[in-house]
Amino acid sequence: MSQESNDLSALTYEEAYAKLEQILQSLESGDLPLEDALALYEQGAKLAALCATKLDEAELRVRQWQPGDETAPFDDWQNS
């Protein structure tokens, strides 16, 4: 596993999401050389996958707390 992968896996969801937002802003500016844009795109794809994985893991944890391993919409849960 590369050093970059180890660094990314140590990020919290919030940290990874913030980095992803920064990358998107940089890419949307259109002021980057092609190679820099490609490198940022690659890093952004890794961060997006990391965020998705962390959200999936959180959903699994929530499902463990719910009867029947089902989730309920947040509004329904909040009003009960």
PDB file of N, CA and C in Angstrom:
ATOM      1  N   MET A   1       0.851  -1.179   0.000  1.00  0.00           N
ATOM      2  CA  MET A   1       0.000   0.000   0.000  1.00  0.00           C
ATOM      3  C   MET A   1       0.891   1.234   0.000  1.00  0.00           C
ATOM      4  N   SER A   2       0.554   2.237  -0.792  1.00  0.00           N
ATOM      5  CA  SER A   2       1.385   3.424  -0.903  1.00  0.00           C
ATOM      6  C   SER A   2       1.199   4.341   0.299  1.00  0.00           C
ATOM      7  N   GLN A   3       2.146   5.245   0.472  1.00  0.00           N
ATOM      8  CA  GLN A   3       2.073   6.210   1.568  1.00  0.00           C
ATOM      9  C   GLN A   3       0.818   7.063   1.442  1.00  0.00           C
ATOM     10  N   GLU A   4       0.469   7.452   0.195  1.00  0.00           N
ATOM     11  CA  GLU A   4      -0.723   8.276  -0.016  1.00  0.00           C
ATOM     12  C   GLU A   4      -1.972   7.540   0.442  1.00  0.00           C
ATOM     13  N   SER A   5      -2.075   6.241   0.150  1.00  0.00           N
ATOM     14  CA  SER A   5      -3.231   5.453   0.570  1.00  0.00           C
ATOM     15  C   SER A   5      -3.318   5.392   2.082  1.00  0.00           C
ATOM     16  N   ASN A   6      -2.174   5.220   2.732  1.00  0.00           N
ATOM     17  CA  ASN A   6      -2.161   5.207   4.192  1.00  0.00           C
ATOM     18  C   ASN A   6      -2.606   6.554   4.744  1.00  0.00           C
ATOM     19  N   ASP A   7      -2.135   7.640   4.140  1.00  0.00           N
ATOM     20  CA  ASP A   7      -2.519   8.974   4.592  1.00  0.00           C
ATOM     21  C   ASP A   7      -4.015   9.193   4.426  1.00  0.00           C
ATOM     22  N   LEU A   8      -4.571   8.768   3.293  1.00  0.00           N
ATOM     23  CA  LEU A   8      -5.996   8.952   3.047  1.00  0.00           C
ATOM     24  C   LEU A   8      -6.839   8.133   4.006  1.00  0.00           C
ATOM     25  N   SER A   9      -6.442   6.905   4.280  1.00  0.00           N
ATOM     26  CA  SER A   9      -7.242   6.049   5.142  1.00  0.00           C
ATOM     27  C   SER A   9      -7.274   6.559   6.584  1.00  0.00           C
ATOM     28  N   ALA A  10      -6.320   7.398   6.956  1.00  0.00           N
ATOM     29  CA  ALA A  10      -6.288   7.956   8.306  1.00  0.00           C
ATOM     30  C   ALA A  10      -7.218   9.155   8.456  1.00  0.00           C
ATOM     31  N   LEU A  11      -7.750   9.662   7.344  1.00  0.00           N
ATOM     32  CA  LEU A  11      -8.620  10.830   7.399  1.00  0.00           C
ATOM     33  C   LEU A  11      -9.992  10.472   7.940  1.00  0.00           C
ATOM     34  N   THR A  12     -10.579  11.409   8.664  1.00  0.00           N
ATOM     35  CA  THR A  12     -11.982  11.253   9.048  1.00  0.00           C
ATOM     36  C   THR A  12     -12.831  11.579   7.828  1.00  0.00           C
ATOM     37  N   TYR A  13     -14.105  11.255   7.905  1.00  0.00           N
ATOM     38  CA  TYR A  13     -15.016  11.590   6.807  1.00  0.00           C
ATOM     39  C   TYR A  13     -15.002  13.092   6.551  1.00  0.00           C
ATOM     40  N   GLU A  14     -15.073  13.862   7.617  1.00  0.00           N
ATOM     41  CA  GLU A  14     -15.123  15.319   7.475  1.00  0.00           C
ATOM     42  C   GLU A  14     -13.858  15.876   6.825  1.00  0.00           C
ATOM     43  N   GLU A  15     -12.709  15.345   7.207  1.00  0.00           N
ATOM     44  CA  GLU A  15     -11.444  15.787   6.616  1.00  0.00           C
ATOM     45  C   GLU A  15     -11.376  15.424   5.127  1.00  0.00           C
ATOM     46  N   ALA A  16     -11.778  14.200   4.818  1.00  0.00           N
ATOM     47  CA  ALA A  16     -11.753  13.753   3.421  1.00  0.00           C
ATOM     48  C   ALA A  16     -12.718  14.580   2.573  1.00  0.00           C
ATOM     49  N   TYR A  17     -13.885  14.848   3.114  1.00  0.00           N
ATOM     50  CA  TYR A  17     -14.883  15.633   2.378  1.00  0.00           C
ATOM     51  C   TYR A  17     -14.392  17.060   2.150  1.00  0.00           C
ATOM     52  N   ALA A  18     -13.757  17.652   3.149  1.00  0.00           N
ATOM     53  CA  ALA A  18     -13.226  19.012   3.009  1.00  0.00           C
ATOM     54  C   ALA A  18     -12.141  19.053   1.932  1.00  0.00           C
ATOM     55  N   LYS A  19     -11.262  18.049   1.913  1.00  0.00           N
ATOM     56  CA  LYS A  19     -10.223  17.989   0.883  1.00  0.00           C
ATOM     57  C   LYS A  19     -10.850  17.816  -0.499  1.00  0.00           C
ATOM     58  N   LEU A  20     -11.886  16.998  -0.579  1.00  0.00           N
ATOM     59  CA  LEU A  20     -12.579  16.785  -1.839  1.00  0.00           C
ATOM     60  C   LEU A  20     -13.210  18.089  -2.332  1.00  0.00           C
ATOM     61  N   GLU A  21     -13.802  18.845  -1.439  1.00  0.00           N
ATOM     62  CA  GLU A  21     -14.379  20.143  -1.816  1.00  0.00           C
ATOM     63  C   GLU A  21     -13.303  21.095  -2.349  1.00  0.00           C
ATOM     64  N   GLN A  22     -12.133  21.107  -1.708  1.00  0.00           N
ATOM     65  CA  GLN A  22     -11.035  21.961  -2.164  1.00  0.00           C
ATOM     66  C   GLN A  22     -10.584  21.561  -3.571  1.00  0.00           C
ATOM     67  N   ILE A  23     -10.498  20.263  -3.789  1.00  0.00           N
ATOM     68  CA  ILE A  23     -10.088  19.764  -5.105  1.00  0.00           C
ATOM     69  C   ILE A  23     -11.111  20.166  -6.161  1.00  0.00           C
ATOM     70  N   LEU A  24     -12.391  20.010  -5.840  1.00  0.00           N
ATOM     71  CA  LEU A  24     -13.438  20.385  -6.799  1.00  0.00           C
ATOM     72  C   LEU A  24     -13.366  21.870  -7.141  1.00  0.00           C
ATOM     73  N   GLN A  25     -13.137  22.708  -6.152  1.00  0.00           N
ATOM     74  CA  GLN A  25     -13.012  24.140  -6.407  1.00  0.00           C
ATOM     75  C   GLN A  25     -11.829  24.423  -7.322  1.00  0.00           C
ATOM     76  N   SER A  26     -10.712  23.754  -7.073  1.00  0.00           N
ATOM     77  CA  SER A  26      -9.522  23.951  -7.909  1.00  0.00           C
ATOM     78  C   SER A  26      -9.783  23.505  -9.342  1.00  0.00           C
ATOM     79  N   LEU A  27     -10.430  22.345  -9.485  1.00  0.00           N
ATOM     80  CA  LEU A  27     -10.717  21.834 -10.830  1.00  0.00           C
ATOM     81  C   LEU A  27     -11.717  22.725 -11.566  1.00  0.00           C
ATOM     82  N   GLU A  28     -12.706  23.228 -10.851  1.00  0.00           N
ATOM     83  CA  GLU A  28     -13.721  24.072 -11.472  1.00  0.00           C
ATOM     84  C   GLU A  28     -13.173  25.429 -11.893  1.00  0.00           C
ATOM     85  N   SER A  29     -12.073  25.854 -11.278  1.00  0.00           N
ATOM     86  CA  SER A  29     -11.495  27.152 -11.643  1.00  0.00           C
ATOM     87  C   SER A  29     -10.968  27.140 -13.067  1.00  0.00           C
ATOM     88  N   GLY A  30     -10.539  25.958 -13.530  1.00  0.00           N
ATOM     89  CA  GLY A  30     -10.049  25.836 -14.896  1.00  0.00           C
ATOM     90  C   GLY A  30      -8.683  26.446 -15.126  1.00  0.00           C
ATOM     91  N   ASP A  31      -7.991  26.831 -14.075  1.00  0.00           N
ATOM     92  CA  ASP A  31      -6.697  27.498 -14.203  1.00  0.00           C
ATOM     93  C   ASP A  31      -5.503  26.563 -14.050  1.00  0.00           C
ATOM     94  N   LEU A  32      -5.739  25.263 -14.036  1.00  0.00           N
ATOM     95  CA  LEU A  32      -4.661  24.315 -13.788  1.00  0.00           C
ATOM     96  C   LEU A  32      -4.103  23.739 -15.084  1.00  0.00           C
ATOM     97  N   PRO A  33      -2.809  23.495 -15.112  1.00  0.00           N
ATOM     98  CA  PRO A  33      -2.242  22.752 -16.241  1.00  0.00           C
ATOM     99  C   PRO A  33      -2.850  21.341 -16.258  1.00  0.00           C
ATOM    100  N   LEU A  34      -2.873  20.734 -17.410  1.00  0.00           N
ATOM    101  CA  LEU A  34      -3.510  19.431 -17.578  1.00  0.00           C
ATOM    102  C   LEU A  34      -2.989  18.398 -16.590  1.00  0.00           C
ATOM    103  N   GLU A  35      -1.674  18.282 -16.455  1.00  0.00           N
ATOM    104  CA  GLU A  35      -1.106  17.274 -15.554  1.00  0.00           C
ATOM    105  C   GLU A  35      -1.543  17.495 -14.109  1.00  0.00           C
ATOM    106  N   ASP A  36      -1.584  18.744 -13.684  1.00  0.00           N
ATOM    107  CA  ASP A  36      -2.031  19.052 -12.321  1.00  0.00           C
ATOM    108  C   ASP A  36      -3.506  18.708 -12.148  1.00  0.00           C
ATOM    109  N   ALA A  37      -4.304  19.031 -13.155  1.00  0.00           N
ATOM    110  CA  ALA A  37      -5.732  18.727 -13.107  1.00  0.00           C
ATOM    111  C   ALA A  37      -5.959  17.219 -13.034  1.00  0.00           C
ATOM    112  N   LEU A  38      -5.200  16.457 -13.809  1.00  0.00           N
ATOM    113  CA  LEU A  38      -5.339  15.002 -13.778  1.00  0.00           C
ATOM    114  C   LEU A  38      -4.949  14.437 -12.417  1.00  0.00           C
ATOM    115  N   ALA A  39      -3.878  14.949 -11.838  1.00  0.00           N
ATOM    116  CA  ALA A  39      -3.441  14.476 -10.520  1.00  0.00           C
ATOM    117  C   ALA A  39      -4.497  14.795  -9.458  1.00  0.00           C
ATOM    118  N   LEU A  40      -5.066  15.995  -9.526  1.00  0.00           N
ATOM    119  CA  LEU A  40      -6.112  16.353  -8.574  1.00  0.00           C
ATOM    120  C   LEU A  40      -7.365  15.507  -8.779  1.00  0.00           C
ATOM    121  N   TYR A  41      -7.698  15.248 -10.049  1.00  0.00           N
ATOM    122  CA  TYR A  41      -8.865  14.415 -10.342  1.00  0.00           C
ATOM    123  C   TYR A  41      -8.678  13.024  -9.738  1.00  0.00           C
ATOM    124  N   GLU A  42      -7.486  12.465  -9.901  1.00  0.00           N
ATOM    125  CA  GLU A  42      -7.193  11.143  -9.352  1.00  0.00           C
ATOM    126  C   GLU A  42      -7.312  11.144  -7.831  1.00  0.00           C
ATOM    127  N   GLN A  43      -6.747  12.158  -7.195  1.00  0.00           N
ATOM    128  CA  GLN A  43      -6.842  12.253  -5.742  1.00  0.00           C
ATOM    129  C   GLN A  43      -8.298  12.436  -5.320  1.00  0.00           C
ATOM    130  N   GLY A  44      -9.044  13.236  -6.069  1.00  0.00           N
ATOM    131  CA  GLY A  44     -10.460  13.445  -5.766  1.00  0.00           C
ATOM    132  C   GLY A  44     -11.262  12.161  -5.876  1.00  0.00           C
ATOM    133  N   ALA A  45     -10.960  11.347  -6.873  1.00  0.00           N
ATOM    134  CA  ALA A  45     -11.653  10.067  -7.033  1.00  0.00           C
ATOM    135  C   ALA A  45     -11.382   9.160  -5.829  1.00  0.00           C
ATOM    136  N   LYS A  46     -10.154   9.166  -5.347  1.00  0.00           N
ATOM    137  CA  LYS A  46      -9.805   8.362  -4.172  1.00  0.00           C
ATOM    138  C   LYS A  46     -10.530   8.882  -2.932  1.00  0.00           C
ATOM    139  N   LEU A  47     -10.587  10.203  -2.795  1.00  0.00           N
ATOM    140  CA  LEU A  47     -11.284  10.781  -1.653  1.00  0.00           C
ATOM    141  C   LEU A  47     -12.781  10.496  -1.714  1.00  0.00           C
ATOM    142  N   ALA A  48     -13.373  10.571  -2.906  1.00  0.00           N
ATOM    143  CA  ALA A  48     -14.799  10.278  -3.064  1.00  0.00           C
ATOM    144  C   ALA A  48     -15.087   8.824  -2.686  1.00  0.00           C
ATOM    145  N   ALA A  49     -14.211   7.913  -3.103  1.00  0.00           N
ATOM    146  CA  ALA A  49     -14.382   6.504  -2.749  1.00  0.00           C
ATOM    147  C   ALA A  49     -14.251   6.314  -1.238  1.00  0.00           C
ATOM    148  N   LEU A  50     -13.298   7.002  -0.621  1.00  0.00           N
ATOM    149  CA  LEU A  50     -13.112   6.917   0.821  1.00  0.00           C
ATOM    150  C   LEU A  50     -14.359   7.422   1.549  1.00  0.00           C
ATOM    151  N   CYS A  51     -14.893   8.546   1.107  1.00  0.00           N
ATOM    152  CA  CYS A  51     -16.106   9.093   1.725  1.00  0.00           C
ATOM    153  C   CYS A  51     -17.270   8.114   1.580  1.00  0.00           C
ATOM    154  N   ALA A  52     -17.424   7.534   0.409  1.00  0.00           N
ATOM    155  CA  ALA A  52     -18.506   6.569   0.187  1.00  0.00           C
ATOM    156  C   ALA A  52     -18.345   5.360   1.105  1.00  0.00           C
ATOM    157  N   THR A  53     -17.122   4.889   1.249  1.00  0.00           N
ATOM    158  CA  THR A  53     -16.867   3.743   2.132  1.00  0.00           C
ATOM    159  C   THR A  53     -17.212   4.087   3.568  1.00  0.00           C
ATOM    160  N   LYS A  54     -16.803   5.258   4.015  1.00  0.00           N
ATOM    161  CA  LYS A  54     -17.083   5.659   5.397  1.00  0.00           C
ATOM    162  C   LYS A  54     -18.586   5.816   5.625  1.00  0.00           C
ATOM    163  N   LEU A  55     -19.319   6.325   4.631  1.00  0.00           N
ATOM    164  CA  LEU A  55     -20.769   6.433   4.760  1.00  0.00           C
ATOM    165  C   LEU A  55     -21.417   5.055   4.794  1.00  0.00           C
ATOM    166  N   ASP A  56     -20.933   4.134   3.975  1.00  0.00           N
ATOM    167  CA  ASP A  56     -21.452   2.764   3.986  1.00  0.00           C
ATOM    168  C   ASP A  56     -21.215   2.110   5.346  1.00  0.00           C
ATOM    169  N   GLU A  57     -20.031   2.315   5.899  1.00  0.00           N
ATOM    170  CA  GLU A  57     -19.719   1.754   7.217  1.00  0.00           C
ATOM    171  C   GLU A  57     -20.631   2.343   8.290  1.00  0.00           C
ATOM    172  N   ALA A  58     -20.891   3.633   8.204  1.00  0.00           N
ATOM    173  CA  ALA A  58     -21.777   4.271   9.173  1.00  0.00           C
ATOM    174  C   ALA A  58     -23.193   3.723   9.041  1.00  0.00           C
ATOM    175  N   GLU A  59     -23.643   3.520   7.807  1.00  0.00           N
ATOM    176  CA  GLU A  59     -24.979   2.966   7.599  1.00  0.00           C
ATOM    177  C   GLU A  59     -25.088   1.564   8.194  1.00  0.00           C
ATOM    178  N   LEU A  60     -24.051   0.759   8.025  1.00  0.00           N
ATOM    179  CA  LEU A  60     -24.064  -0.582   8.604  1.00  0.00           C
ATOM    180  C   LEU A  60     -24.161  -0.528  10.123  1.00  0.00           C
ATOM    181  N   ARG A  61     -23.460   0.401  10.717  1.00  0.00           N
ATOM    182  CA  ARG A  61     -23.526   0.547  12.180  1.00  0.00           C
ATOM    183  C   ARG A  61     -24.921   0.948  12.619  1.00  0.00           C
ATOM    184  N   VAL A  62     -25.546   1.870  11.886  1.00  0.00           N
ATOM    185  CA  VAL A  62     -26.896   2.307  12.227  1.00  0.00           C
ATOM    186  C   VAL A  62     -27.875   1.151  12.061  1.00  0.00           C
ATOM    187  N   ARG A  63     -27.710   0.370  10.999  1.00  0.00           N
ATOM    188  CA  ARG A  63     -28.596  -0.773  10.773  1.00  0.00           C
ATOM    189  C   ARG A  63     -28.534  -1.761  11.939  1.00  0.00           C
ATOM    190  N   GLN A  64     -27.386  -1.892  12.564  1.00  0.00           N
ATOM    191  CA  GLN A  64     -27.254  -2.804  13.693  1.00  0.00           C
ATOM    192  C   GLN A  64     -28.108  -2.353  14.874  1.00  0.00           C
ATOM    193  N   TRP A  65     -28.357  -1.057  14.958  1.00  0.00           N
ATOM    194  CA  TRP A  65     -29.148  -0.522  16.073  1.00  0.00           C
ATOM    195  C   TRP A  65     -30.647  -0.627  15.812  1.00  0.00           C
ATOM    196  N   GLN A  66     -31.040  -0.789  14.548  1.00  0.00           N
ATOM    197  CA  GLN A  66     -32.444  -0.782  14.174  1.00  0.00           C
ATOM    198  C   GLN A  66     -33.036  -2.192  14.221  1.00  0.00           C
ATOM    199  N   PRO A  67     -34.265  -2.311  14.658  1.00  0.00           N
ATOM    200  CA  PRO A  67     -34.918  -3.619  14.626  1.00  0.00           C
ATOM    201  C   PRO A  67     -35.006  -4.119  13.185  1.00  0.00           C
ATOM    202  N   GLY A  68     -34.703  -5.358  12.965  1.00  0.00           N
ATOM    203  CA  GLY A  68     -34.791  -5.939  11.634  1.00  0.00           C
ATOM    204  C   GLY A  68     -33.713  -5.457  10.693  1.00  0.00           C
ATOM    205  N   ASP A  69     -32.673  -4.836  11.209  1.00  0.00           N
ATOM    206  CA  ASP A  69     -31.574  -4.306  10.391  1.00  0.00           C
ATOM    207  C   ASP A  69     -32.052  -3.353   9.307  1.00  0.00           C
ATOM    208  N   GLU A  70     -33.117  -2.631   9.560  1.00  0.00           N
ATOM    209  CA  GLU A  70     -33.634  -1.679   8.582  1.00  0.00           C
ATOM    210  C   GLU A  70     -33.388  -0.266   9.081  1.00  0.00           C
ATOM    211  N   THR A  71     -33.213   0.636   8.144  1.00  0.00           N
ATOM    212  CA  THR A  71     -33.074   2.039   8.516  1.00  0.00           C
ATOM    213  C   THR A  71     -34.409   2.733   8.332  1.00  0.00           C
ATOM    214  N   ALA A  72     -34.574   3.818   9.025  1.00  0.00           N
ATOM    215  CA  ALA A  72     -35.778   4.624   8.898  1.00  0.00           C
ATOM    216  C   ALA A  72     -35.357   6.025   8.475  1.00  0.00           C
ATOM    217  N   PRO A  73     -36.193   6.706   7.699  1.00  0.00           N
ATOM    218  CA  PRO A  73     -35.859   8.092   7.351  1.00  0.00           C
ATOM    219  C   PRO A  73     -35.640   8.915   8.615  1.00  0.00           C
ATOM    220  N   PHE A  74     -34.695   9.823   8.566  1.00  0.00           N
ATOM    221  CA  PHE A  74     -34.331  10.608   9.748  1.00  0.00           C
ATOM    222  C   PHE A  74     -35.530  11.357  10.301  1.00  0.00           C
ATOM    223  N   ASP A  75     -36.371  11.924   9.432  1.00  0.00           N
ATOM    224  CA  ASP A  75     -37.538  12.674   9.901  1.00  0.00           C
ATOM    225  C   ASP A  75     -38.470  11.784  10.703  1.00  0.00           C
ATOM    226  N   ASP A  76     -38.659  10.527  10.276  1.00  0.00           N
ATOM    227  CA  ASP A  76     -39.517   9.602  11.009  1.00  0.00           C
ATOM    228  C   ASP A  76     -38.934   9.286  12.381  1.00  0.00           C
ATOM    229  N   TRP A  77     -37.630   9.080  12.429  1.00  0.00           N
ATOM    230  CA  TRP A  77     -36.971   8.744  13.678  1.00  0.00           C
ATOM    231  C   TRP A  77     -37.026   9.919  14.655  1.00  0.00           C
ATOM    232  N   GLN A  78     -36.810  11.122  14.116  1.00  0.00           N
ATOM    233  CA  GLN A  78     -36.754  12.311  14.949  1.00  0.00           C
ATOM    234  C   GLN A  78     -38.121  12.608  15.560  1.00  0.00           C
ATOM    235  N   ASN A  79     -39.203  12.302  14.868  1.00  0.00           N
ATOM    236  CA  ASN A  79     -40.537  12.600  15.341  1.00  0.00           C
ATOM    237  C   ASN A  79     -41.105  11.529  16.252  1.00  0.00           C
ATOM    238  N   SER A  80     -40.411  10.420  16.434  1.00  0.00           N
ATOM    239  CA  SER A  80     -40.972   9.351  17.274  1.00  0.00           C
ATOM    240  C   SER A  80     -40.622   9.527  18.720  1.00  0.00           C
TER     241      SER A  80
END
